[in-house]
Structures are given as structure tokens and as C-alpha cells.
Amino acid sequence: MTVLLGHIRKRQSGKTFIALLIPLILAGALQLNNHLYYDLDLGYDMPMHFNNTMAIIDTGQMPPPPLLPNTYEAHQAPAFYYLSAWILQITNYDFDWYTFIVIMPWVLYLVGMIWVILIANFVLRTIRPIPLFLRSLIICVVVLFPNNTIMSVMYNNDLSVTIFGALSVWTLWLMCRTNQLTSKSLWLRAALLAGLATLFKLSGLIIIGVYGALAAYIILQTLWQRHFEKARQVIIAASLGLPLMLIPWMYNSNHTSQYIESPLGVIGDAPYVWDVVDPSFFLTFDLDIFDVPFAFETGKSSFWTLQFLTLHNDYYNHWNSSAYKDYPPYRLVEVPHRDPMPYTRLQDAVVLQYLAIPITLVIVFGVGVSLYRLIFRNRFALRDGSVVVLIYVGMSQGAQLVRFIAHPDIKGVIIHARHLGFIYGFMFIIGAWWLLKLTKHRRYGEILSLSLATFMLAYSLVAIRLMWLPPI
């Protein structure tokens, strides 16, 4: 019997390894390709991030105020730049730009692969009972979202805040799922990760908001249920983590305030939001993106369209890489606000928008089920993690809306929506989990699972083709 159980465990372990290996190979190959061909100085802000790191290497500190044309990113949270400077300095090279573009892509590649492993670990270990091949495809979709591909290849602090923020939210979600609401170690872990997220970028404040709102919900619920001792324990456990989050936030706010008036990093005087956009901007969806799937020319009239495009397509000039500058003109096509790109990639971009429809519907389904559980199954909404999901979505979208209303810039919607990239990944994981779980014993369950698997596989393959450099 022992031998038989050992054989079964070994076989299951082998299957799990294969399920992990598939997204690792696909995402690893794509990221390696991108790091070999993507220009680190591509985009408006990339040279400014480099200048911050150079200033630390040369002077030991960030560029001094005031902001200048070549240091306008100096108000950013400094942890990313200090860490980058330290990594580059321990290489013992005479540092210059050419050294940077040789070393940094490999550092970013390592971080990107760690990110893939973390997502895979979360899905394989916690999203059950779902067949392994479906969990593997769920991982593939999330790590191959074009938003995640670009975020993993660019030299800026977006991936850092995303990784720490996601780990913090996962910790809170698992804490609720395992009913360890009074666990000091879990509250401290979530707070530490939220603090690290904030230390790398001020958008980590979203995670602090999730932490605080969840603690308040749990305390109020336990008080309503007259579990006074449990409420006291939650208050103590959650309060222990506050310094780990608030100290990084205050440090970053103080740093940012030396450069600009807004401690949240909003630069310049903003026009009144309704002078810039019509109220319909928040209520419509621009279907023109299925003809020309690029922001600015299409999508600019809809807040939600811009977020859809940011997740499922290029929000920066990804194809402006020198990898295909020598392509003959007849193989390229003009597209809005970008260098000419291969016509086959434009076709892939269009196809991916259609494949993104069922993927996005799964995301919406996950949020919808969580909302249903909160309203009609309130007793279980905390235990199944639905409360964490809704707080995370609410805080993230709320921050995006507040940011836009305070500084109504269409480009800002596109650029800052990338901070929501893993929110959508998390929502897709949760949505797929609920969809497969609720239909498992239905007559149409197998058909639905097969359909979802087909869409996920197609989405992953087209996303790889779309983001591959040089274009295939």
C-alpha cells in the first residue's frame, strides 16, 4: 500500500512538473527573445530611469530637485534605482550605457522568470480542484498577457510593485480561504509585502488600501456577530503590520514632495475633467479597436476600451525595436502613433482582440460571482475570498478613476492602467476557478471546459506571435 501511494504521489508530482514547465518554456522563450531584441531606451521615460540610476552610481543619491528635462522621473520612489545601482556596481565593470544594456536585460529576465514561477505556484497550489492541463493554460494566459510581457521587458519599477503587490494580496486571500484571520504572521507578511510594493512605487498605496479595508471589514463583521475576543485579536494582528506599510509610504511621500507639490506624483496643473472628456467616456466601449487595435486613434473615447487595449495589446511602441528596422517597406504597414510594423503582426493584433473577448468575460464572471457571494451568500464571502477580490478590484479601479479625474490625460489612462495588469490576471484566475467549479457536475461542464481550453490555447499562441521580436 505504501509503495502504491508513493507511486501515485510520484506520478502526480511528475504531472505537476510538466504543468509548470509548459508556461515556463513559453514565457521564458518569449521573454528571452524580447530581452535580446528590445531596446532599453525605447519609450519616453526609459532614459530618465537610467539617469536616476546613473546619478546614484555617480553621487550616491537621486538627482537633486528641481525636476529637469533629463531628470523628470527623479520624484519616483527611489528603492528601484538604488537596487539597480547596487546590482550594476557589483559587476565591477567601468559603468556606462553599453555596460547597462548588456547586464540589465539579464537581470530583468531573471526577475521576469521569478514572476512566472510565482504565478504558476499560486495557480498550481491553490486553485483546485481543476485539471492540471487547464491550470497550466490559465498560467499561460496570465503570463502571456501582452501587458505582462511588456512590463517584464521594460526598465522601470512597474514589475517590482506588481510582484510585491500581488504577493501581498495573495497572502490576504489565502488567509481568508484558510480562516486564519487572527494570524499575526500572515498579517505581518501581507503588510511587509505591501510596504515593499510602496517602497518601489507609490501605486503600492492601492495594496495598503486593500489591507486596511479588509481589516476593517473583518473587524466589523466579527463585532456584528458579537465575537468580541476574535475582533480584538484581529485588531492586534492587523495593527502590527501598520508600521511596515506606513513608514515606506511616508518616506516616499517625503521624497516626492521635495520635487513636486503632490505627494502622489501628479505633475503639473490639471484641467477640469469634464473639459477634457465627455461623461460618456466612462460609460461606453469603442468597437473600432477590432479594426485598428491601437490606442489614441481608436479607443480614446472610452475609459474601459483603453484598459482593454492596455491588457491585451501594445501600450508602448513594442515593435519600434531596431530588430526589424531593415525590413523592406513593402513588408510593413503604417499604424497610428507607431513606427510601421509588419502586416502579419497587425493581423495578430486584431485576432487577439477577438480572442480577448472570452478571456475578458471570464474576468467579468469572476468579479460577478464574488459580488453575488457578498450580497446573497454573505456568510461565506469572506471564507471563499470573494471579499478580498472585490476590495482589490474596488481599490484598484477607484485609484485609477481618482488619478484620471485629478489629472485627466488620455495617455495617463493607458500608461497607468498597466499597474492594474495583475489585477486582471488575478481576476482571470479567480473567474476561471469559479466557472470550472460551478459547472463541474453540469451536463455542459465538459463542453465548457473544452471551449475555455481552446480559447486559452489560441490566445496564448497568438500572444506569443504578436509580441515576438523580430516579427515572424
Protein backbone atom coordinates (compact mmCIF):
# COMPACT_ATOMS: atom_id res chain seq x y z
CA MET A 1 0.00 0.00 0.00
CA THR A 2 2.82 2.40 0.91
CA VAL A 3 4.58 1.58 -2.37
CA LEU A 4 1.36 2.23 -4.31
CA LEU A 5 0.74 5.60 -2.62
CA GLY A 6 4.35 6.59 -3.24
CA HIS A 7 3.95 5.72 -6.92
CA ILE A 8 0.75 7.80 -7.15
CA ARG A 9 2.42 10.78 -5.46
CA LYS A 10 5.40 10.46 -7.78
CA ARG A 11 3.13 10.36 -10.82
CA GLN A 12 1.16 13.41 -9.62
CA SER A 13 4.43 15.24 -8.94
CA GLY A 14 5.57 14.48 -12.49
CA LYS A 15 2.33 15.84 -13.95
CA THR A 16 2.62 18.98 -11.85
CA PHE A 17 6.17 19.49 -13.06
CA ILE A 18 5.01 19.25 -16.69
CA ALA A 19 2.13 21.66 -15.99
CA LEU A 20 4.68 24.13 -14.59
CA LEU A 21 7.20 23.50 -17.36
CA ILE A 22 4.86 24.44 -20.23
CA PRO A 23 4.26 28.09 -19.21
CA LEU A 24 7.89 28.39 -18.10
CA ILE A 25 9.13 27.38 -21.55
CA LEU A 26 6.63 29.54 -23.44
CA ALA A 27 7.01 32.67 -21.31
CA GLY A 28 10.73 32.05 -20.89
CA ALA A 29 11.33 31.82 -24.63
CA LEU A 30 9.26 34.95 -25.33
CA GLN A 31 10.93 36.98 -22.59
CA LEU A 32 14.40 35.83 -23.62
CA ASN A 33 13.66 36.80 -27.20
CA ASN A 34 12.35 40.20 -26.11
CA HIS A 35 15.35 40.91 -23.88
CA LEU A 36 17.71 40.10 -26.74
CA TYR A 37 15.98 42.47 -29.17
CA TYR A 38 14.04 45.07 -27.17
CA ASP A 39 15.75 48.47 -26.86
CA LEU A 40 16.02 49.51 -23.21
CA ASP A 41 15.91 53.18 -24.18
CA LEU A 42 12.62 52.68 -26.01
CA GLY A 43 9.82 54.96 -24.82
CA TYR A 44 9.70 58.43 -23.34
CA ASP A 45 10.65 57.58 -19.77
CA MET A 46 13.24 54.83 -20.15
CA PRO A 47 16.30 57.14 -20.44
CA MET A 48 15.05 59.04 -17.39
CA HIS A 49 15.03 55.87 -15.29
CA PHE A 50 18.57 55.24 -16.47
CA ASN A 51 19.57 58.78 -15.46
CA ASN A 52 18.24 58.17 -11.93
CA THR A 53 20.39 55.06 -11.61
CA MET A 54 23.43 56.85 -13.03
CA ALA A 55 23.03 59.68 -10.53
CA ILE A 56 23.10 57.19 -7.64
CA ILE A 57 26.21 55.48 -9.04
CA ASP A 58 27.97 58.84 -9.51
CA THR A 59 26.81 60.74 -6.42
CA GLY A 60 25.23 58.19 -4.09
CA GLN A 61 21.81 59.82 -4.27
CA MET A 62 18.91 60.55 -6.60
CA PRO A 63 19.13 63.63 -8.86
CA PRO A 64 18.54 66.76 -6.75
CA PRO A 65 15.45 68.95 -7.22
CA PRO A 66 14.07 70.71 -9.15
CA LEU A 67 12.90 68.41 -11.93
CA LEU A 68 14.70 68.99 -15.21
CA PRO A 69 14.04 67.72 -18.76
CA ASN A 70 16.54 64.88 -18.26
CA THR A 71 15.53 64.05 -14.67
CA TYR A 72 11.74 64.41 -14.67
CA GLU A 73 11.39 60.91 -13.17
CA ALA A 74 13.53 61.84 -10.14
CA HIS A 75 10.43 62.18 -7.94
CA GLN A 76 9.77 58.44 -8.27
CA ALA A 77 10.21 56.12 -5.29
CA PRO A 78 14.00 55.60 -5.11
CA ALA A 79 14.25 51.94 -3.99
CA PHE A 80 14.22 50.58 -7.56
CA TYR A 81 17.08 52.84 -8.61
CA TYR A 82 19.22 52.14 -5.54
CA LEU A 83 18.78 48.41 -6.07
CA SER A 84 19.63 48.75 -9.77
CA ALA A 85 22.73 50.80 -8.97
CA TRP A 86 23.89 48.20 -6.44
CA ILE A 87 23.41 45.34 -8.92
CA LEU A 88 25.33 47.19 -11.61
CA GLN A 89 28.15 48.21 -9.27
CA ILE A 90 28.84 44.68 -8.02
CA THR A 91 29.62 43.64 -11.59
CA ASN A 92 32.94 45.55 -11.22
CA TYR A 93 32.64 46.97 -14.70
CA ASP A 94 33.53 50.53 -15.64
CA PHE A 95 29.94 51.59 -15.84
CA ASP A 96 28.49 53.22 -18.94
CA TRP A 97 25.41 52.90 -21.14
CA TYR A 98 26.81 49.96 -23.09
CA THR A 99 27.51 48.04 -19.90
CA PHE A 100 23.97 48.79 -18.77
CA ILE A 101 22.34 47.41 -21.93
CA VAL A 102 24.38 44.21 -21.63
CA ILE A 103 23.81 43.50 -17.92
CA MET A 104 20.33 44.85 -17.20
CA PRO A 105 18.38 42.69 -19.70
CA TRP A 106 19.64 39.56 -17.95
CA VAL A 107 18.68 40.97 -14.55
CA LEU A 108 15.22 41.82 -15.86
CA TYR A 109 14.93 38.38 -17.45
CA LEU A 110 15.70 36.72 -14.10
CA VAL A 111 13.07 38.85 -12.33
CA GLY A 112 10.55 38.13 -15.09
CA MET A 113 11.07 34.38 -14.75
CA ILE A 114 10.69 34.61 -10.97
CA TRP A 115 7.38 36.35 -11.64
CA VAL A 116 6.26 33.48 -13.91
CA ILE A 117 7.18 30.93 -11.23
CA LEU A 118 5.26 32.85 -8.55
CA ILE A 119 2.11 32.96 -10.69
CA ALA A 120 2.46 29.27 -11.54
CA ASN A 121 2.98 28.37 -7.89
CA PHE A 122 -0.16 30.27 -6.87
CA VAL A 123 -2.33 28.60 -9.53
CA LEU A 124 -0.96 25.06 -9.14
CA ARG A 125 -1.06 25.03 -5.34
CA THR A 126 -4.21 26.95 -4.51
CA ILE A 127 -6.64 26.83 -7.46
CA ARG A 128 -8.18 23.37 -7.03
CA PRO A 129 -9.83 21.06 -7.96
CA ILE A 130 -9.20 21.85 -11.63
CA PRO A 131 -7.47 19.50 -14.10
CA LEU A 132 -3.76 20.20 -14.39
CA PHE A 133 -3.85 20.93 -18.12
CA LEU A 134 -6.45 23.65 -17.51
CA ARG A 135 -4.40 25.16 -14.68
CA SER A 136 -1.37 25.15 -16.96
CA LEU A 137 -3.31 27.02 -19.65
CA ILE A 138 -4.60 29.53 -17.07
CA ILE A 139 -0.97 30.25 -16.12
CA CYS A 140 -0.04 30.62 -19.81
CA VAL A 141 -2.75 33.21 -20.45
CA VAL A 142 -1.79 35.32 -17.43
CA VAL A 143 1.97 35.32 -18.06
CA LEU A 144 1.43 35.91 -21.80
CA PHE A 145 -0.90 38.90 -21.44
CA PRO A 146 0.89 41.48 -23.65
CA ASN A 147 0.74 43.84 -20.65
CA ASN A 148 2.80 41.38 -18.58
CA THR A 149 5.19 40.72 -21.48
CA ILE A 150 5.98 44.41 -21.90
CA MET A 151 6.15 45.05 -18.17
CA SER A 152 8.71 42.25 -17.84
CA VAL A 153 10.99 43.66 -20.54
CA MET A 154 10.94 47.39 -19.78
CA TYR A 155 13.42 49.03 -17.43
CA ASN A 156 11.19 50.68 -14.86
CA ASN A 157 9.64 49.97 -11.47
CA ASP A 158 6.30 48.57 -12.67
CA LEU A 159 7.19 44.89 -12.37
CA SER A 160 8.60 45.38 -8.86
CA VAL A 161 5.45 46.94 -7.45
CA THR A 162 3.31 44.37 -9.30
CA ILE A 163 5.17 41.39 -7.84
CA PHE A 164 5.14 42.61 -4.24
CA GLY A 165 1.57 43.86 -4.51
CA ALA A 166 0.32 40.56 -5.94
CA LEU A 167 2.11 38.55 -3.24
CA SER A 168 0.52 40.72 -0.56
CA VAL A 169 -2.99 40.26 -1.98
CA TRP A 170 -2.43 36.52 -2.39
CA THR A 171 -1.44 36.35 1.28
CA LEU A 172 -4.63 38.13 2.33
CA TRP A 173 -6.73 35.91 0.02
CA LEU A 174 -5.17 32.71 1.37
CA MET A 175 -5.53 33.98 4.94
CA CYS A 176 -9.29 34.28 4.38
CA ARG A 177 -9.51 30.98 2.50
CA THR A 178 -7.79 29.12 5.35
CA ASN A 179 -9.74 31.02 8.04
CA GLN A 180 -6.58 32.29 9.74
CA LEU A 181 -7.96 35.76 10.33
CA THR A 182 -6.15 36.24 13.63
CA SER A 183 -2.77 35.03 12.35
CA LYS A 184 -0.15 37.65 13.23
CA SER A 185 2.38 36.08 10.88
CA LEU A 186 0.05 36.33 7.85
CA TRP A 187 -0.97 39.92 8.60
CA LEU A 188 2.70 40.85 9.06
CA ARG A 189 3.68 39.08 5.82
CA ALA A 190 0.96 40.90 3.87
CA ALA A 191 1.98 44.22 5.42
CA LEU A 192 5.67 43.69 4.70
CA LEU A 193 4.93 42.88 1.05
CA ALA A 194 2.60 45.90 0.74
CA GLY A 195 5.32 48.08 2.26
CA LEU A 196 7.88 46.76 -0.23
CA ALA A 197 5.46 47.44 -3.09
CA THR A 198 5.05 51.03 -1.89
CA LEU A 199 8.80 51.40 -1.45
CA PHE A 200 9.26 50.65 -5.15
CA LYS A 201 6.36 52.76 -6.42
CA LEU A 202 3.68 54.91 -4.82
CA SER A 203 0.96 52.89 -6.55
CA GLY A 204 1.66 50.36 -3.80
CA LEU A 205 -0.77 52.53 -1.82
CA ILE A 206 -3.51 50.51 -3.55
CA ILE A 207 -2.34 47.43 -1.64
CA ILE A 208 -2.23 49.38 1.65
CA GLY A 209 -5.84 50.33 0.93
CA VAL A 210 -6.76 46.68 0.35
CA TYR A 211 -5.08 45.72 3.63
CA GLY A 212 -6.87 48.42 5.61
CA ALA A 213 -10.28 47.83 4.04
CA LEU A 214 -10.10 44.08 4.59
CA ALA A 215 -9.06 44.52 8.22
CA ALA A 216 -11.97 46.94 8.75
CA TYR A 217 -14.44 44.52 7.12
CA ILE A 218 -13.29 41.57 9.23
CA ILE A 219 -13.39 43.59 12.46
CA LEU A 220 -16.85 45.00 11.76
CA GLN A 221 -18.19 41.57 10.80
CA THR A 222 -16.85 39.90 13.94
CA LEU A 223 -18.23 42.71 16.11
CA TRP A 224 -21.62 42.35 14.39
CA GLN A 225 -21.51 38.64 15.20
CA ARG A 226 -20.57 39.51 18.82
CA HIS A 227 -17.25 37.68 18.58
CA PHE A 228 -15.54 40.37 20.62
CA GLU A 229 -12.44 38.39 21.52
CA LYS A 230 -11.83 37.47 17.89
CA ALA A 231 -12.28 41.12 16.87
CA ARG A 232 -9.71 42.13 19.47
CA GLN A 233 -7.23 39.58 18.12
CA VAL A 234 -7.75 40.77 14.54
CA ILE A 235 -7.23 44.40 15.59
CA ILE A 236 -3.95 43.50 17.29
CA ALA A 237 -2.72 41.30 14.43
CA ALA A 238 -3.60 43.81 11.69
CA SER A 239 -2.21 46.77 13.66
CA LEU A 240 1.19 45.12 13.98
CA GLY A 241 1.70 45.48 10.24
CA LEU A 242 0.85 49.18 10.00
CA PRO A 243 4.43 50.47 10.54
CA LEU A 244 5.70 48.13 7.80
CA MET A 245 3.40 49.87 5.32
CA LEU A 246 3.21 53.43 6.60
CA ILE A 247 6.95 54.02 7.00
CA PRO A 248 7.71 53.31 3.30
CA TRP A 249 4.73 55.42 2.28
CA MET A 250 5.86 58.39 4.40
CA TYR A 251 9.44 58.01 3.14
CA ASN A 252 8.31 58.06 -0.49
CA SER A 253 5.88 60.93 0.10
CA ASN A 254 8.65 62.99 1.66
CA HIS A 255 10.97 62.22 -1.25
CA THR A 256 8.33 63.09 -3.87
CA SER A 257 7.31 66.29 -2.07
CA GLN A 258 10.83 67.65 -2.49
CA TYR A 259 10.25 67.78 -6.24
CA ILE A 260 6.55 68.45 -6.77
CA GLU A 261 3.61 69.67 -4.69
CA SER A 262 1.62 66.45 -4.99
CA PRO A 263 2.97 63.61 -2.82
CA LEU A 264 1.14 61.23 -5.18
CA GLY A 265 3.40 62.15 -8.08
CA VAL A 266 0.92 64.11 -10.23
CA ILE A 267 2.91 66.70 -12.16
CA GLY A 268 1.51 69.97 -13.46
CA ASP A 269 -1.82 71.77 -13.25
CA ALA A 270 -4.69 69.64 -14.47
CA PRO A 271 -7.75 70.85 -16.39
CA TYR A 272 -11.24 70.14 -15.13
CA VAL A 273 -12.06 66.56 -16.14
CA TRP A 274 -15.33 67.39 -17.98
CA ASP A 275 -13.47 69.99 -20.05
CA VAL A 276 -11.32 67.18 -21.41
CA VAL A 277 -13.72 64.24 -21.76
CA ASP A 278 -17.45 63.72 -22.06
CA PRO A 279 -19.18 61.76 -19.26
CA SER A 280 -19.80 59.02 -21.83
CA PHE A 281 -16.05 58.34 -21.62
CA PHE A 282 -16.79 56.16 -18.57
CA LEU A 283 -19.93 54.52 -19.97
CA THR A 284 -19.04 53.35 -23.47
CA PHE A 285 -16.85 50.83 -25.29
CA ASP A 286 -15.20 51.68 -28.62
CA LEU A 287 -15.71 48.82 -31.09
CA ASP A 288 -13.33 50.43 -33.59
CA ILE A 289 -10.45 48.69 -31.80
CA PHE A 290 -11.43 45.50 -33.61
CA ASP A 291 -10.37 47.21 -36.85
CA VAL A 292 -7.33 49.15 -35.60
CA PRO A 293 -6.40 47.75 -32.16
CA PHE A 294 -4.18 50.60 -31.00
CA ALA A 295 -4.87 53.36 -28.53
CA PHE A 296 -5.09 57.09 -29.29
CA GLU A 297 -6.64 56.83 -32.76
CA THR A 298 -9.14 54.23 -31.60
CA GLY A 299 -10.24 53.61 -28.05
CA LYS A 300 -9.53 57.12 -26.84
CA SER A 301 -13.22 57.85 -26.32
CA SER A 302 -13.69 55.09 -23.74
CA PHE A 303 -12.05 54.54 -20.35
CA TRP A 304 -12.76 50.80 -20.45
CA THR A 305 -11.57 50.37 -24.03
CA LEU A 306 -8.21 51.87 -23.12
CA GLN A 307 -7.85 49.40 -20.26
CA PHE A 308 -8.87 46.52 -22.53
CA LEU A 309 -6.21 47.57 -25.04
CA THR A 310 -3.59 48.04 -22.35
CA LEU A 311 -4.06 44.49 -21.14
CA HIS A 312 -4.38 42.73 -24.48
CA ASN A 313 -2.12 44.76 -26.75
CA ASP A 314 0.90 47.01 -27.00
CA TYR A 315 0.55 50.18 -24.93
CA TYR A 316 4.09 51.26 -25.76
CA ASN A 317 5.92 51.06 -29.07
CA HIS A 318 6.97 47.47 -28.58
CA TRP A 319 7.58 46.97 -32.30
CA ASN A 320 9.74 50.08 -32.60
CA SER A 321 12.67 47.81 -31.85
CA SER A 322 15.69 48.01 -34.13
CA ALA A 323 15.08 44.27 -34.68
CA TYR A 324 13.21 44.98 -37.90
CA LYS A 325 14.40 48.45 -38.95
CA ASP A 326 15.98 46.93 -42.05
CA TYR A 327 12.76 45.26 -43.18
CA PRO A 328 11.79 46.26 -46.74
CA PRO A 329 8.96 48.83 -46.74
CA TYR A 330 6.57 46.55 -48.67
CA ARG A 331 6.51 44.20 -45.64
CA LEU A 332 5.46 46.99 -43.27
CA VAL A 333 2.23 48.88 -42.69
CA GLU A 334 1.61 52.28 -41.12
CA VAL A 335 -0.32 52.26 -37.83
CA PRO A 336 -1.35 55.16 -35.60
CA HIS A 337 1.33 56.68 -33.36
CA ARG A 338 3.84 53.94 -34.06
CA ASP A 339 6.60 53.12 -36.44
CA PRO A 340 5.48 50.94 -39.36
CA MET A 341 5.04 47.33 -38.31
CA PRO A 342 4.78 44.04 -40.26
CA TYR A 343 1.29 43.48 -41.64
CA THR A 344 1.21 39.96 -40.15
CA ARG A 345 1.64 41.46 -36.67
CA LEU A 346 -1.26 43.82 -37.29
CA GLN A 347 -3.35 40.79 -38.21
CA ASP A 348 -2.27 39.07 -34.98
CA ALA A 349 -3.21 42.18 -33.00
CA VAL A 350 -6.71 42.14 -34.50
CA VAL A 351 -7.15 38.39 -33.92
CA LEU A 352 -6.00 38.75 -30.31
CA GLN A 353 -8.68 41.38 -29.62
CA TYR A 354 -11.36 38.86 -30.63
CA LEU A 355 -9.76 36.08 -28.58
CA ALA A 356 -9.61 38.52 -25.68
CA ILE A 357 -13.40 38.74 -25.57
CA PRO A 358 -13.98 35.32 -23.88
CA ILE A 359 -10.89 35.88 -21.71
CA THR A 360 -12.32 39.22 -20.55
CA LEU A 361 -15.75 37.66 -19.99
CA VAL A 362 -14.10 35.16 -17.61
CA ILE A 363 -12.63 38.13 -15.72
CA VAL A 364 -16.05 39.77 -15.51
CA PHE A 365 -17.57 36.45 -14.43
CA GLY A 366 -15.10 36.18 -11.54
CA VAL A 367 -15.98 39.66 -10.28
CA GLY A 368 -19.69 38.95 -10.79
CA VAL A 369 -19.62 35.73 -8.77
CA SER A 370 -17.67 37.46 -5.99
CA LEU A 371 -20.29 40.23 -5.89
CA TYR A 372 -23.11 37.67 -5.85
CA ARG A 373 -21.46 35.85 -2.95
CA LEU A 374 -21.11 39.09 -0.99
CA ILE A 375 -24.75 40.07 -1.49
CA PHE A 376 -26.55 36.72 -1.33
CA ARG A 377 -24.06 34.42 0.43
CA ASN A 378 -22.56 36.89 2.83
CA ARG A 379 -21.78 34.21 5.42
CA PHE A 380 -19.31 32.60 3.01
CA ALA A 381 -17.99 35.64 1.11
CA LEU A 382 -15.06 36.10 3.47
CA ARG A 383 -14.23 32.41 3.73
CA ASP A 384 -14.10 31.90 -0.03
CA GLY A 385 -12.02 35.02 -0.69
CA SER A 386 -14.76 36.96 -2.50
CA VAL A 387 -14.40 39.94 -0.17
CA VAL A 388 -10.67 40.21 -0.97
CA VAL A 389 -11.40 40.04 -4.70
CA LEU A 390 -13.98 42.84 -4.53
CA ILE A 391 -11.86 45.07 -2.30
CA TYR A 392 -8.88 44.59 -4.62
CA VAL A 393 -10.93 45.46 -7.71
CA GLY A 394 -12.61 48.40 -5.97
CA MET A 395 -9.36 49.88 -4.68
CA SER A 396 -7.56 49.45 -7.99
CA GLN A 397 -10.27 50.86 -10.23
CA GLY A 398 -11.02 53.55 -7.67
CA ALA A 399 -7.37 54.63 -7.68
CA GLN A 400 -7.36 54.67 -11.48
CA LEU A 401 -10.50 56.81 -11.60
CA VAL A 402 -9.27 59.22 -8.91
CA ARG A 403 -5.93 59.52 -10.72
CA PHE A 404 -7.65 60.31 -14.01
CA ILE A 405 -10.15 62.79 -12.54
CA ALA A 406 -7.30 64.59 -10.77
CA HIS A 407 -5.16 64.61 -13.91
CA PRO A 408 -7.36 63.84 -16.96
CA ASP A 409 -4.82 62.74 -19.54
CA ILE A 410 -5.74 60.03 -22.06
CA LYS A 411 -2.13 58.87 -22.22
CA GLY A 412 -2.22 58.55 -18.45
CA VAL A 413 -5.09 56.08 -18.65
CA ILE A 414 -3.09 53.88 -20.99
CA ILE A 415 0.18 54.14 -19.10
CA HIS A 416 -1.22 53.86 -15.57
CA ALA A 417 -3.63 51.06 -16.43
CA ARG A 418 -0.61 48.78 -16.64
CA HIS A 419 -0.44 48.91 -12.84
CA LEU A 420 -3.75 47.06 -12.96
CA GLY A 421 -2.20 44.32 -15.09
CA PHE A 422 -2.08 41.70 -12.41
CA ILE A 423 -5.47 42.65 -11.05
CA TYR A 424 -6.84 41.39 -14.33
CA GLY A 425 -4.59 38.34 -14.14
CA PHE A 426 -5.84 37.60 -10.63
CA MET A 427 -9.44 38.16 -11.75
CA PHE A 428 -8.94 35.77 -14.66
CA ILE A 429 -7.58 33.08 -12.34
CA ILE A 430 -10.50 33.55 -9.93
CA GLY A 431 -13.03 33.71 -12.78
CA ALA A 432 -11.76 30.51 -14.39
CA TRP A 433 -11.76 28.79 -11.00
CA TRP A 434 -15.38 29.74 -10.28
CA LEU A 435 -16.50 28.92 -13.84
CA LEU A 436 -14.99 25.45 -13.81
CA LYS A 437 -16.03 24.79 -10.22
CA LEU A 438 -19.68 25.79 -10.68
CA THR A 439 -20.10 23.84 -13.94
CA LYS A 440 -18.09 20.75 -12.99
CA HIS A 441 -21.09 18.49 -12.46
CA ARG A 442 -23.32 20.07 -15.09
CA ARG A 443 -24.14 18.35 -18.35
CA TYR A 444 -22.42 21.07 -20.34
CA GLY A 445 -19.43 21.21 -17.98
CA GLU A 446 -17.09 19.22 -20.21
CA ILE A 447 -18.04 21.21 -23.30
CA LEU A 448 -17.44 24.47 -21.42
CA SER A 449 -14.06 23.24 -20.15
CA LEU A 450 -13.02 22.21 -23.65
CA SER A 451 -14.16 25.55 -25.10
CA LEU A 452 -12.28 27.51 -22.44
CA ALA A 453 -9.17 25.39 -23.01
CA THR A 454 -9.37 26.06 -26.76
CA PHE A 455 -9.68 29.82 -26.30
CA MET A 456 -6.84 29.89 -23.75
CA LEU A 457 -4.54 27.90 -26.03
CA ALA A 458 -5.37 30.09 -29.04
CA TYR A 459 -4.91 33.28 -27.01
CA SER A 460 -1.50 32.12 -25.73
CA LEU A 461 -0.18 31.16 -29.17
CA VAL A 462 -1.34 34.38 -30.85
CA ALA A 463 0.02 36.48 -27.96
CA ILE A 464 3.44 34.86 -28.44
CA ARG A 465 3.42 35.58 -32.19
CA LEU A 466 2.24 39.14 -31.58
CA MET A 467 5.00 40.02 -29.10
CA TRP A 468 7.90 38.11 -30.71
CA LEU A 469 10.89 40.16 -31.91
CA PRO A 470 11.93 40.39 -34.66
CA PRO A 471 8.45 39.82 -36.10
CA ILE A 472 8.00 36.35 -37.53
